[in-house]
Amino acid sequence: MSRPVKVRRICEEPKFRSFAPTGVEVVKTEVLTMDEYEVLRHVDYQKMTHEECALQMDISRTTVTEIYESARYKMADALINGKALCIDGGNFRVCDGGECKKDCTKDCTNN
């Protein structure tokens, strides 16, 4: 029996939920989950290490790596093949602002 999926902590939901190429009629859509979005935000945008990201999201470093690889593939597929990209779903909860381990978008205490 496999382990249950741990709920991933995210700092905030994205301001924009979908992106689409212009000049073409979009036929297919790639869905990026909220936890994939959050890993990309922390690792690529905030320049966190996978270990720092794992601490922030309350998951293991190996899980961060798996999520990151999945998210990067989905983004590349959307860019290369002209697919729309939507951010939706996943097993997550939004942090309350006081539980952040490192800088996030809320007024959190840095631990």
PDB file of N, CA and C in Angstrom:
ATOM      1  N   MET A   1       0.847  -1.186   0.000  1.00  0.00           N
ATOM      2  CA  MET A   1       0.000   0.000   0.000  1.00  0.00           C
ATOM      3  C   MET A   1       0.886   1.242   0.000  1.00  0.00           C
ATOM      4  N   SER A   2       0.606   2.176  -0.879  1.00  0.00           N
ATOM      5  CA  SER A   2       1.420   3.380  -0.977  1.00  0.00           C
ATOM      6  C   SER A   2       1.064   4.379   0.117  1.00  0.00           C
ATOM      7  N   ARG A   3       2.028   5.263   0.372  1.00  0.00           N
ATOM      8  CA  ARG A   3       1.810   6.294   1.378  1.00  0.00           C
ATOM      9  C   ARG A   3       0.813   7.322   0.858  1.00  0.00           C
ATOM     10  N   PRO A   4       0.027   7.911   1.754  1.00  0.00           N
ATOM     11  CA  PRO A   4      -0.883   8.970   1.311  1.00  0.00           C
ATOM     12  C   PRO A   4      -0.088  10.207   0.886  1.00  0.00           C
ATOM     13  N   VAL A   5      -0.619  10.948  -0.071  1.00  0.00           N
ATOM     14  CA  VAL A   5       0.042  12.165  -0.543  1.00  0.00           C
ATOM     15  C   VAL A   5      -0.058  13.228   0.534  1.00  0.00           C
ATOM     16  N   LYS A   6       1.088  13.824   0.868  1.00  0.00           N
ATOM     17  CA  LYS A   6       1.131  14.873   1.876  1.00  0.00           C
ATOM     18  C   LYS A   6       0.627  16.185   1.267  1.00  0.00           C
ATOM     19  N   VAL A   7      -0.163  16.899   2.017  1.00  0.00           N
ATOM     20  CA  VAL A   7      -0.689  18.188   1.555  1.00  0.00           C
ATOM     21  C   VAL A   7       0.478  19.169   1.440  1.00  0.00           C
ATOM     22  N   ARG A   8       0.576  19.834   0.313  1.00  0.00           N
ATOM     23  CA  ARG A   8       1.670  20.775   0.072  1.00  0.00           C
ATOM     24  C   ARG A   8       1.248  22.175   0.475  1.00  0.00           C
ATOM     25  N   ARG A   9       2.137  22.888   1.155  1.00  0.00           N
ATOM     26  CA  ARG A   9       1.847  24.255   1.597  1.00  0.00           C
ATOM     27  C   ARG A   9       2.321  25.229   0.530  1.00  0.00           C
ATOM     28  N   ILE A  10       1.429  26.136   0.129  1.00  0.00           N
ATOM     29  CA  ILE A  10       1.811  27.198  -0.791  1.00  0.00           C
ATOM     30  C   ILE A  10       1.558  28.541  -0.120  1.00  0.00           C
ATOM     31  N   CYS A  11       2.320  29.554  -0.525  1.00  0.00           N
ATOM     32  CA  CYS A  11       2.204  30.870   0.104  1.00  0.00           C
ATOM     33  C   CYS A  11       1.009  31.662  -0.403  1.00  0.00           C
ATOM     34  N   GLU A  12       0.729  31.538  -1.673  1.00  0.00           N
ATOM     35  CA  GLU A  12      -0.424  32.229  -2.244  1.00  0.00           C
ATOM     36  C   GLU A  12      -0.792  31.606  -3.571  1.00  0.00           C
ATOM     37  N   GLU A  13      -2.017  31.772  -3.960  1.00  0.00           N
ATOM     38  CA  GLU A  13      -2.454  31.282  -5.261  1.00  0.00           C
ATOM     39  C   GLU A  13      -1.973  32.254  -6.338  1.00  0.00           C
ATOM     40  N   PRO A  14      -1.753  31.773  -7.548  1.00  0.00           N
ATOM     41  CA  PRO A  14      -1.244  32.644  -8.606  1.00  0.00           C
ATOM     42  C   PRO A  14      -2.237  33.739  -8.979  1.00  0.00           C
ATOM     43  N   LYS A  15      -1.701  34.874  -9.388  1.00  0.00           N
ATOM     44  CA  LYS A  15      -2.545  35.995  -9.817  1.00  0.00           C
ATOM     45  C   LYS A  15      -3.184  35.711 -11.177  1.00  0.00           C
ATOM     46  N   PHE A  16      -2.490  34.936 -11.994  1.00  0.00           N
ATOM     47  CA  PHE A  16      -2.971  34.587 -13.327  1.00  0.00           C
ATOM     48  C   PHE A  16      -3.051  33.078 -13.412  1.00  0.00           C
ATOM     49  N   ARG A  17      -4.164  32.556 -13.898  1.00  0.00           N
ATOM     50  CA  ARG A  17      -4.403  31.115 -13.916  1.00  0.00           C
ATOM     51  C   ARG A  17      -4.238  30.465 -15.282  1.00  0.00           C
ATOM     52  N   SER A  18      -4.160  31.247 -16.352  1.00  0.00           N
ATOM     53  CA  SER A  18      -4.009  30.633 -17.670  1.00  0.00           C
ATOM     54  C   SER A  18      -3.205  31.525 -18.607  1.00  0.00           C
ATOM     55  N   PHE A  19      -2.510  30.851 -19.516  1.00  0.00           N
ATOM     56  CA  PHE A  19      -1.678  31.506 -20.514  1.00  0.00           C
ATOM     57  C   PHE A  19      -1.890  30.759 -21.820  1.00  0.00           C
ATOM     58  N   ALA A  20      -1.923  31.497 -22.921  1.00  0.00           N
ATOM     59  CA  ALA A  20      -2.145  30.855 -24.218  1.00  0.00           C
ATOM     60  C   ALA A  20      -1.339  31.575 -25.284  1.00  0.00           C
ATOM     61  N   PRO A  21      -0.876  30.836 -26.280  1.00  0.00           N
ATOM     62  CA  PRO A  21      -0.148  31.471 -27.373  1.00  0.00           C
ATOM     63  C   PRO A  21      -1.088  32.357 -28.192  1.00  0.00           C
ATOM     64  N   THR A  22      -0.554  33.423 -28.730  1.00  0.00           N
ATOM     65  CA  THR A  22      -1.372  34.300 -29.566  1.00  0.00           C
ATOM     66  C   THR A  22      -1.177  33.926 -31.034  1.00  0.00           C
ATOM     67  N   GLY A  23      -2.172  34.240 -31.841  1.00  0.00           N
ATOM     68  CA  GLY A  23      -2.073  34.025 -33.270  1.00  0.00           C
ATOM     69  C   GLY A  23      -2.405  32.622 -33.734  1.00  0.00           C
ATOM     70  N   VAL A  24      -2.749  31.746 -32.812  1.00  0.00           N
ATOM     71  CA  VAL A  24      -3.141  30.382 -33.192  1.00  0.00           C
ATOM     72  C   VAL A  24      -4.362  29.987 -32.389  1.00  0.00           C
ATOM     73  N   GLU A  25      -5.143  29.111 -32.966  1.00  0.00           N
ATOM     74  CA  GLU A  25      -6.288  28.598 -32.224  1.00  0.00           C
ATOM     75  C   GLU A  25      -5.795  27.462 -31.336  1.00  0.00           C
ATOM     76  N   VAL A  26      -5.892  27.650 -30.050  1.00  0.00           N
ATOM     77  CA  VAL A  26      -5.386  26.659 -29.105  1.00  0.00           C
ATOM     78  C   VAL A  26      -6.328  25.464 -29.066  1.00  0.00           C
ATOM     79  N   VAL A  27      -5.783  24.304 -29.294  1.00  0.00           N
ATOM     80  CA  VAL A  27      -6.576  23.085 -29.301  1.00  0.00           C
ATOM     81  C   VAL A  27      -6.369  22.301 -28.012  1.00  0.00           C
ATOM     82  N   LYS A  28      -5.141  22.267 -27.525  1.00  0.00           N
ATOM     83  CA  LYS A  28      -4.823  21.474 -26.343  1.00  0.00           C
ATOM     84  C   LYS A  28      -4.385  22.370 -25.194  1.00  0.00           C
ATOM     85  N   THR A  29      -4.574  21.855 -23.977  1.00  0.00           N
ATOM     86  CA  THR A  29      -4.206  22.581 -22.775  1.00  0.00           C
ATOM     87  C   THR A  29      -3.359  21.687 -21.883  1.00  0.00           C
ATOM     88  N   GLU A  30      -2.337  22.274 -21.314  1.00  0.00           N
ATOM     89  CA  GLU A  30      -1.494  21.589 -20.327  1.00  0.00           C
ATOM     90  C   GLU A  30      -1.860  22.167 -18.962  1.00  0.00           C
ATOM     91  N   VAL A  31      -2.116  21.298 -17.977  1.00  0.00           N
ATOM     92  CA  VAL A  31      -2.513  21.757 -16.644  1.00  0.00           C
ATOM     93  C   VAL A  31      -1.344  21.627 -15.683  1.00  0.00           C
ATOM     94  N   LEU A  32      -0.954  22.749 -15.110  1.00  0.00           N
ATOM     95  CA  LEU A  32       0.083  22.820 -14.091  1.00  0.00           C
ATOM     96  C   LEU A  32      -0.630  22.881 -12.742  1.00  0.00           C
ATOM     97  N   THR A  33      -0.319  21.952 -11.832  1.00  0.00           N
ATOM     98  CA  THR A  33      -0.988  21.968 -10.532  1.00  0.00           C
ATOM     99  C   THR A  33      -0.441  23.107  -9.677  1.00  0.00           C
ATOM    100  N   MET A  34      -1.164  23.434  -8.630  1.00  0.00           N
ATOM    101  CA  MET A  34      -0.754  24.528  -7.745  1.00  0.00           C
ATOM    102  C   MET A  34       0.600  24.244  -7.099  1.00  0.00           C
ATOM    103  N   ASP A  35       0.856  22.990  -6.723  1.00  0.00           N
ATOM    104  CA  ASP A  35       2.145  22.684  -6.118  1.00  0.00           C
ATOM    105  C   ASP A  35       3.275  22.763  -7.147  1.00  0.00           C
ATOM    106  N   GLU A  36       3.000  22.427  -8.402  1.00  0.00           N
ATOM    107  CA  GLU A  36       4.008  22.593  -9.452  1.00  0.00           C
ATOM    108  C   GLU A  36       4.309  24.080  -9.659  1.00  0.00           C
ATOM    109  N   TYR A  37       3.273  24.894  -9.680  1.00  0.00           N
ATOM    110  CA  TYR A  37       3.450  26.348  -9.793  1.00  0.00           C
ATOM    111  C   TYR A  37       4.311  26.863  -8.634  1.00  0.00           C
ATOM    112  N   GLU A  38       4.009  26.424  -7.422  1.00  0.00           N
ATOM    113  CA  GLU A  38       4.720  26.911  -6.246  1.00  0.00           C
ATOM    114  C   GLU A  38       6.185  26.497  -6.271  1.00  0.00           C
ATOM    115  N   VAL A  39       6.470  25.277  -6.694  1.00  0.00           N
ATOM    116  CA  VAL A  39       7.864  24.842  -6.796  1.00  0.00           C
ATOM    117  C   VAL A  39       8.604  25.688  -7.822  1.00  0.00           C
ATOM    118  N   LEU A  40       7.998  25.934  -8.975  1.00  0.00           N
ATOM    119  CA  LEU A  40       8.632  26.794  -9.981  1.00  0.00           C
ATOM    120  C   LEU A  40       8.858  28.198  -9.441  1.00  0.00           C
ATOM    121  N   ARG A  41       7.892  28.713  -8.707  1.00  0.00           N
ATOM    122  CA  ARG A  41       8.016  30.064  -8.139  1.00  0.00           C
ATOM    123  C   ARG A  41       9.197  30.132  -7.173  1.00  0.00           C
ATOM    124  N   HIS A  42       9.295  29.142  -6.300  1.00  0.00           N
ATOM    125  CA  HIS A  42      10.384  29.143  -5.323  1.00  0.00           C
ATOM    126  C   HIS A  42      11.746  28.889  -5.966  1.00  0.00           C
ATOM    127  N   VAL A  43      11.846  27.866  -6.802  1.00  0.00           N
ATOM    128  CA  VAL A  43      13.142  27.459  -7.337  1.00  0.00           C
ATOM    129  C   VAL A  43      13.623  28.394  -8.449  1.00  0.00           C
ATOM    130  N   ASP A  44      12.787  28.665  -9.435  1.00  0.00           N
ATOM    131  CA  ASP A  44      13.217  29.466 -10.579  1.00  0.00           C
ATOM    132  C   ASP A  44      13.094  30.969 -10.351  1.00  0.00           C
ATOM    133  N   TYR A  45      12.048  31.403  -9.689  1.00  0.00           N
ATOM    134  CA  TYR A  45      11.819  32.839  -9.521  1.00  0.00           C
ATOM    135  C   TYR A  45      12.506  33.390  -8.266  1.00  0.00           C
ATOM    136  N   GLN A  46      12.371  32.681  -7.145  1.00  0.00           N
ATOM    137  CA  GLN A  46      12.982  33.158  -5.897  1.00  0.00           C
ATOM    138  C   GLN A  46      14.384  32.603  -5.671  1.00  0.00           C
ATOM    139  N   LYS A  47      14.855  31.757  -6.568  1.00  0.00           N
ATOM    140  CA  LYS A  47      16.203  31.197  -6.524  1.00  0.00           C
ATOM    141  C   LYS A  47      16.485  30.386  -5.258  1.00  0.00           C
ATOM    142  N   MET A  48      15.477  29.694  -4.752  1.00  0.00           N
ATOM    143  CA  MET A  48      15.663  28.811  -3.608  1.00  0.00           C
ATOM    144  C   MET A  48      16.285  27.499  -4.078  1.00  0.00           C
ATOM    145  N   THR A  49      16.982  26.837  -3.178  1.00  0.00           N
ATOM    146  CA  THR A  49      17.436  25.484  -3.463  1.00  0.00           C
ATOM    147  C   THR A  49      16.243  24.545  -3.296  1.00  0.00           C
ATOM    148  N   HIS A  50      16.398  23.323  -3.768  1.00  0.00           N
ATOM    149  CA  HIS A  50      15.319  22.351  -3.589  1.00  0.00           C
ATOM    150  C   HIS A  50      15.091  22.084  -2.105  1.00  0.00           C
ATOM    151  N   GLU A  51      16.153  22.111  -1.326  1.00  0.00           N
ATOM    152  CA  GLU A  51      16.026  21.887   0.123  1.00  0.00           C
ATOM    153  C   GLU A  51      15.252  23.028   0.788  1.00  0.00           C
ATOM    154  N   GLU A  52      15.549  24.269   0.424  1.00  0.00           N
ATOM    155  CA  GLU A  52      14.817  25.409   0.978  1.00  0.00           C
ATOM    156  C   GLU A  52      13.353  25.370   0.566  1.00  0.00           C
ATOM    157  N   CYS A  53      13.112  25.015  -0.681  1.00  0.00           N
ATOM    158  CA  CYS A  53      11.741  24.906  -1.184  1.00  0.00           C
ATOM    159  C   CYS A  53      10.979  23.834  -0.415  1.00  0.00           C
ATOM    160  N   ALA A  54      11.629  22.704  -0.174  1.00  0.00           N
ATOM    161  CA  ALA A  54      11.001  21.611   0.567  1.00  0.00           C
ATOM    162  C   ALA A  54      10.618  22.055   1.973  1.00  0.00           C
ATOM    163  N   LEU A  55      11.496  22.771   2.617  1.00  0.00           N
ATOM    164  CA  LEU A  55      11.220  23.277   3.964  1.00  0.00           C
ATOM    165  C   LEU A  55      10.034  24.237   3.940  1.00  0.00           C
ATOM    166  N   GLN A  56      10.009  25.110   2.948  1.00  0.00           N
ATOM    167  CA  GLN A  56       8.926  26.087   2.813  1.00  0.00           C
ATOM    168  C   GLN A  56       7.576  25.410   2.570  1.00  0.00           C
ATOM    169  N   MET A  57       7.578  24.365   1.741  1.00  0.00           N
ATOM    170  CA  MET A  57       6.322  23.720   1.361  1.00  0.00           C
ATOM    171  C   MET A  57       5.940  22.552   2.275  1.00  0.00           C
ATOM    172  N   ASP A  58       6.798  22.243   3.226  1.00  0.00           N
ATOM    173  CA  ASP A  58       6.546  21.165   4.190  1.00  0.00           C
ATOM    174  C   ASP A  58       6.468  19.800   3.510  1.00  0.00           C
ATOM    175  N   ILE A  59       7.411  19.558   2.572  1.00  0.00           N
ATOM    176  CA  ILE A  59       7.508  18.275   1.882  1.00  0.00           C
ATOM    177  C   ILE A  59       8.989  17.897   1.796  1.00  0.00           C
ATOM    178  N   SER A  60       9.289  16.698   1.305  1.00  0.00           N
ATOM    179  CA  SER A  60      10.680  16.261   1.211  1.00  0.00           C
ATOM    180  C   SER A  60      11.374  16.871  -0.007  1.00  0.00           C
ATOM    181  N   ARG A  61      12.709  16.905   0.054  1.00  0.00           N
ATOM    182  CA  ARG A  61      13.490  17.440  -1.058  1.00  0.00           C
ATOM    183  C   ARG A  61      13.304  16.588  -2.314  1.00  0.00           C
ATOM    184  N   THR A  62      13.217  15.284  -2.154  1.00  0.00           N
ATOM    185  CA  THR A  62      13.025  14.422  -3.325  1.00  0.00           C
ATOM    186  C   THR A  62      11.663  14.667  -3.970  1.00  0.00           C
ATOM    187  N   THR A  63      10.663  14.975  -3.164  1.00  0.00           N
ATOM    188  CA  THR A  63       9.339  15.306  -3.710  1.00  0.00           C
ATOM    189  C   THR A  63       9.407  16.611  -4.489  1.00  0.00           C
ATOM    190  N   VAL A  64      10.151  17.588  -3.975  1.00  0.00           N
ATOM    191  CA  VAL A  64      10.330  18.857  -4.691  1.00  0.00           C
ATOM    192  C   VAL A  64      10.949  18.586  -6.058  1.00  0.00           C
ATOM    193  N   THR A  65      11.971  17.735  -6.101  1.00  0.00           N
ATOM    194  CA  THR A  65      12.638  17.424  -7.364  1.00  0.00           C
ATOM    195  C   THR A  65      11.670  16.776  -8.346  1.00  0.00           C
ATOM    196  N   GLU A  66      10.851  15.851  -7.879  1.00  0.00           N
ATOM    197  CA  GLU A  66       9.862  15.199  -8.752  1.00  0.00           C
ATOM    198  C   GLU A  66       8.840  16.200  -9.277  1.00  0.00           C
ATOM    199  N   ILE A  67       8.342  17.058  -8.402  1.00  0.00           N
ATOM    200  CA  ILE A  67       7.366  18.072  -8.799  1.00  0.00           C
ATOM    201  C   ILE A  67       7.994  19.036  -9.805  1.00  0.00           C
ATOM    202  N   TYR A  68       9.229  19.446  -9.534  1.00  0.00           N
ATOM    203  CA  TYR A  68       9.949  20.390 -10.387  1.00  0.00           C
ATOM    204  C   TYR A  68      10.126  19.823 -11.801  1.00  0.00           C
ATOM    205  N   GLU A  69      10.551  18.567 -11.889  1.00  0.00           N
ATOM    206  CA  GLU A  69      10.752  17.950 -13.201  1.00  0.00           C
ATOM    207  C   GLU A  69       9.441  17.856 -13.973  1.00  0.00           C
ATOM    208  N   SER A  70       8.363  17.514 -13.291  1.00  0.00           N
ATOM    209  CA  SER A  70       7.058  17.437 -13.927  1.00  0.00           C
ATOM    210  C   SER A  70       6.615  18.809 -14.432  1.00  0.00           C
ATOM    211  N   ALA A  71       6.782  19.828 -13.607  1.00  0.00           N
ATOM    212  CA  ALA A  71       6.373  21.187 -13.969  1.00  0.00           C
ATOM    213  C   ALA A  71       7.182  21.716 -15.150  1.00  0.00           C
ATOM    214  N   ARG A  72       8.492  21.490 -15.138  1.00  0.00           N
ATOM    215  CA  ARG A  72       9.336  21.965 -16.227  1.00  0.00           C
ATOM    216  C   ARG A  72       8.956  21.287 -17.545  1.00  0.00           C
ATOM    217  N   TYR A  73       8.651  19.990 -17.510  1.00  0.00           N
ATOM    218  CA  TYR A  73       8.244  19.280 -18.721  1.00  0.00           C
ATOM    219  C   TYR A  73       6.937  19.859 -19.265  1.00  0.00           C
ATOM    220  N   LYS A  74       5.972  20.099 -18.381  1.00  0.00           N
ATOM    221  CA  LYS A  74       4.679  20.638 -18.809  1.00  0.00           C
ATOM    222  C   LYS A  74       4.843  22.020 -19.438  1.00  0.00           C
ATOM    223  N   MET A  75       5.683  22.863 -18.833  1.00  0.00           N
ATOM    224  CA  MET A  75       5.908  24.197 -19.390  1.00  0.00           C
ATOM    225  C   MET A  75       6.578  24.111 -20.753  1.00  0.00           C
ATOM    226  N   ALA A  76       7.577  23.261 -20.871  1.00  0.00           N
ATOM    227  CA  ALA A  76       8.270  23.097 -22.149  1.00  0.00           C
ATOM    228  C   ALA A  76       7.319  22.572 -23.220  1.00  0.00           C
ATOM    229  N   ASP A  77       6.492  21.600 -22.865  1.00  0.00           N
ATOM    230  CA  ASP A  77       5.517  21.044 -23.808  1.00  0.00           C
ATOM    231  C   ASP A  77       4.562  22.125 -24.297  1.00  0.00           C
ATOM    232  N   ALA A  78       4.100  22.958 -23.381  1.00  0.00           N
ATOM    233  CA  ALA A  78       3.173  24.032 -23.765  1.00  0.00           C
ATOM    234  C   ALA A  78       3.855  25.040 -24.688  1.00  0.00           C
ATOM    235  N   LEU A  79       5.086  25.422 -24.374  1.00  0.00           N
ATOM    236  CA  LEU A  79       5.801  26.408 -25.198  1.00  0.00           C
ATOM    237  C   LEU A  79       6.154  25.853 -26.575  1.00  0.00           C
ATOM    238  N   ILE A  80       6.646  24.639 -26.618  1.00  0.00           N
ATOM    239  CA  ILE A  80       7.106  24.058 -27.873  1.00  0.00           C
ATOM    240  C   ILE A  80       5.949  23.666 -28.785  1.00  0.00           C
ATOM    241  N   ASN A  81       4.877  23.158 -28.198  1.00  0.00           N
ATOM    242  CA  ASN A  81       3.765  22.647 -28.996  1.00  0.00           C
ATOM    243  C   ASN A  81       2.569  23.588 -29.070  1.00  0.00           C
ATOM    244  N   GLY A  82       2.711  24.824 -28.614  1.00  0.00           N
ATOM    245  CA  GLY A  82       1.645  25.811 -28.739  1.00  0.00           C
ATOM    246  C   GLY A  82       0.392  25.491 -27.961  1.00  0.00           C
ATOM    247  N   LYS A  83       0.562  24.909 -26.774  1.00  0.00           N
ATOM    248  CA  LYS A  83      -0.588  24.587 -25.937  1.00  0.00           C
ATOM    249  C   LYS A  83      -0.862  25.707 -24.958  1.00  0.00           C
ATOM    250  N   ALA A  84      -2.107  25.802 -24.523  1.00  0.00           N
ATOM    251  CA  ALA A  84      -2.446  26.722 -23.442  1.00  0.00           C
ATOM    252  C   ALA A  84      -1.925  26.108 -22.149  1.00  0.00           C
ATOM    253  N   LEU A  85      -1.600  26.950 -21.183  1.00  0.00           N
ATOM    254  CA  LEU A  85      -1.117  26.484 -19.892  1.00  0.00           C
ATOM    255  C   LEU A  85      -2.068  27.001 -18.828  1.00  0.00           C
ATOM    256  N   CYS A  86      -2.665  26.092 -18.068  1.00  0.00           N
ATOM    257  CA  CYS A  86      -3.581  26.461 -16.993  1.00  0.00           C
ATOM    258  C   CYS A  86      -3.005  26.015 -15.659  1.00  0.00           C
ATOM    259  N   ILE A  87      -3.215  26.790 -14.623  1.00  0.00           N
ATOM    260  CA  ILE A  87      -2.761  26.444 -13.276  1.00  0.00           C
ATOM    261  C   ILE A  87      -3.994  26.144 -12.450  1.00  0.00           C
ATOM    262  N   ASP A  88      -4.101  24.894 -12.018  1.00  0.00           N
ATOM    263  CA  ASP A  88      -5.300  24.487 -11.297  1.00  0.00           C
ATOM    264  C   ASP A  88      -5.091  23.123 -10.639  1.00  0.00           C
ATOM    265  N   GLY A  89      -5.702  22.942  -9.491  1.00  0.00           N
ATOM    266  CA  GLY A  89      -5.738  21.631  -8.853  1.00  0.00           C
ATOM    267  C   GLY A  89      -4.517  21.302  -8.025  1.00  0.00           C
ATOM    268  N   GLY A  90      -4.498  20.086  -7.544  1.00  0.00           N
ATOM    269  CA  GLY A  90      -3.413  19.614  -6.704  1.00  0.00           C
ATOM    270  C   GLY A  90      -3.865  19.476  -5.261  1.00  0.00           C
ATOM    271  N   ASN A  91      -3.028  18.861  -4.459  1.00  0.00           N
ATOM    272  CA  ASN A  91      -3.306  18.633  -3.043  1.00  0.00           C
ATOM    273  C   ASN A  91      -2.521  19.665  -2.241  1.00  0.00           C
ATOM    274  N   PHE A  92      -3.140  20.799  -1.950  1.00  0.00           N
ATOM    275  CA  PHE A  92      -2.422  21.909  -1.325  1.00  0.00           C
ATOM    276  C   PHE A  92      -3.286  22.629  -0.308  1.00  0.00           C
ATOM    277  N   ARG A  93      -2.616  23.460   0.474  1.00  0.00           N
ATOM    278  CA  ARG A  93      -3.290  24.402   1.368  1.00  0.00           C
ATOM    279  C   ARG A  93      -2.490  25.697   1.334  1.00  0.00           C
ATOM    280  N   VAL A  94      -3.174  26.822   1.474  1.00  0.00           N
ATOM    281  CA  VAL A  94      -2.521  28.120   1.470  1.00  0.00           C
ATOM    282  C   VAL A  94      -2.088  28.439   2.892  1.00  0.00           C
ATOM    283  N   CYS A  95      -0.827  28.843   3.065  1.00  0.00           N
ATOM    284  CA  CYS A  95      -0.310  29.127   4.405  1.00  0.00           C
ATOM    285  C   CYS A  95      -1.036  30.331   5.004  1.00  0.00           C
ATOM    286  N   ASP A  96      -1.026  30.391   6.323  1.00  0.00           N
ATOM    287  CA  ASP A  96      -1.733  31.468   7.013  1.00  0.00           C
ATOM    288  C   ASP A  96      -0.857  32.697   7.239  1.00  0.00           C
ATOM    289  N   GLY A  97       0.383  32.662   6.768  1.00  0.00           N
ATOM    290  CA  GLY A  97       1.278  33.802   6.914  1.00  0.00           C
ATOM    291  C   GLY A  97       2.247  33.673   8.060  1.00  0.00           C
ATOM    292  N   GLY A  98       1.950  32.875   9.068  1.00  0.00           N
ATOM    293  CA  GLY A  98       2.836  32.747  10.219  1.00  0.00           C
ATOM    294  C   GLY A  98       3.691  31.504  10.195  1.00  0.00           C
ATOM    295  N   GLU A  99       3.513  30.664   9.191  1.00  0.00           N
ATOM    296  CA  GLU A  99       4.235  29.397   9.176  1.00  0.00           C
ATOM    297  C   GLU A  99       5.322  29.323   8.123  1.00  0.00           C
ATOM    298  N   CYS A 100       5.641  30.439   7.490  1.00  0.00           N
ATOM    299  CA  CYS A 100       6.653  30.455   6.445  1.00  0.00           C
ATOM    300  C   CYS A 100       8.041  30.276   7.042  1.00  0.00           C
ATOM    301  N   LYS A 101       8.879  29.537   6.334  1.00  0.00           N
ATOM    302  CA  LYS A 101      10.240  29.278   6.780  1.00  0.00           C
ATOM    303  C   LYS A 101      11.222  30.284   6.199  1.00  0.00           C
ATOM    304  N   LYS A 102      10.901  30.846   5.082  1.00  0.00           N
ATOM    305  CA  LYS A 102      11.758  31.795   4.381  1.00  0.00           C
ATOM    306  C   LYS A 102      10.843  32.823   3.735  1.00  0.00           C
ATOM    307  N   ASP A 103      11.420  33.856   3.151  1.00  0.00           N
ATOM    308  CA  ASP A 103      10.607  34.909   2.525  1.00  0.00           C
ATOM    309  C   ASP A 103       9.538  34.347   1.609  1.00  0.00           C
ATOM    310  N   CYS A 104       8.337  34.823   1.781  1.00  0.00           N
ATOM    311  CA  CYS A 104       7.281  34.515   0.835  1.00  0.00           C
ATOM    312  C   CYS A 104       6.525  35.807   0.591  1.00  0.00           C
ATOM    313  N   THR A 105       5.393  35.756   0.001  1.00  0.00           N
ATOM    314  CA  THR A 105       4.697  36.977  -0.368  1.00  0.00           C
ATOM    315  C   THR A 105       3.846  37.542   0.763  1.00  0.00           C
ATOM    316  N   LYS A 106       3.712  36.802   1.835  1.00  0.00           N
ATOM    317  CA  LYS A 106       2.943  37.284   2.968  1.00  0.00           C
ATOM    318  C   LYS A 106       3.875  37.926   3.984  1.00  0.00           C
ATOM    319  N   ASP A 107       3.322  38.645   4.945  1.00  0.00           N
ATOM    320  CA  ASP A 107       4.124  39.209   6.014  1.00  0.00           C
ATOM    321  C   ASP A 107       4.402  38.122   7.055  1.00  0.00           C
ATOM    322  N   CYS A 108       5.392  37.307   6.755  1.00  0.00           N
ATOM    323  CA  CYS A 108       5.704  36.165   7.621  1.00  0.00           C
ATOM    324  C   CYS A 108       6.908  36.478   8.487  1.00  0.00           C
ATOM    325  N   THR A 109       7.037  35.774   9.543  1.00  0.00           N
ATOM    326  CA  THR A 109       8.216  35.860  10.379  1.00  0.00           C
ATOM    327  C   THR A 109       9.265  34.943   9.791  1.00  0.00           C
ATOM    328  N   ASN A 110      10.461  35.427   9.543  1.00  0.00           N
ATOM    329  CA  ASN A 110      11.528  34.569   9.032  1.00  0.00           C
ATOM    330  C   ASN A 110      12.099  33.772  10.170  1.00  0.00           C
ATOM    331  N   ASN A 111      12.056  32.443  10.070  1.00  0.00           N
ATOM    332  CA  ASN A 111      12.589  31.571  11.116  1.00  0.00           C
ATOM    333  C   ASN A 111      13.991  31.148  10.810  1.00  0.00           C
TER     334      ASN A 111
END
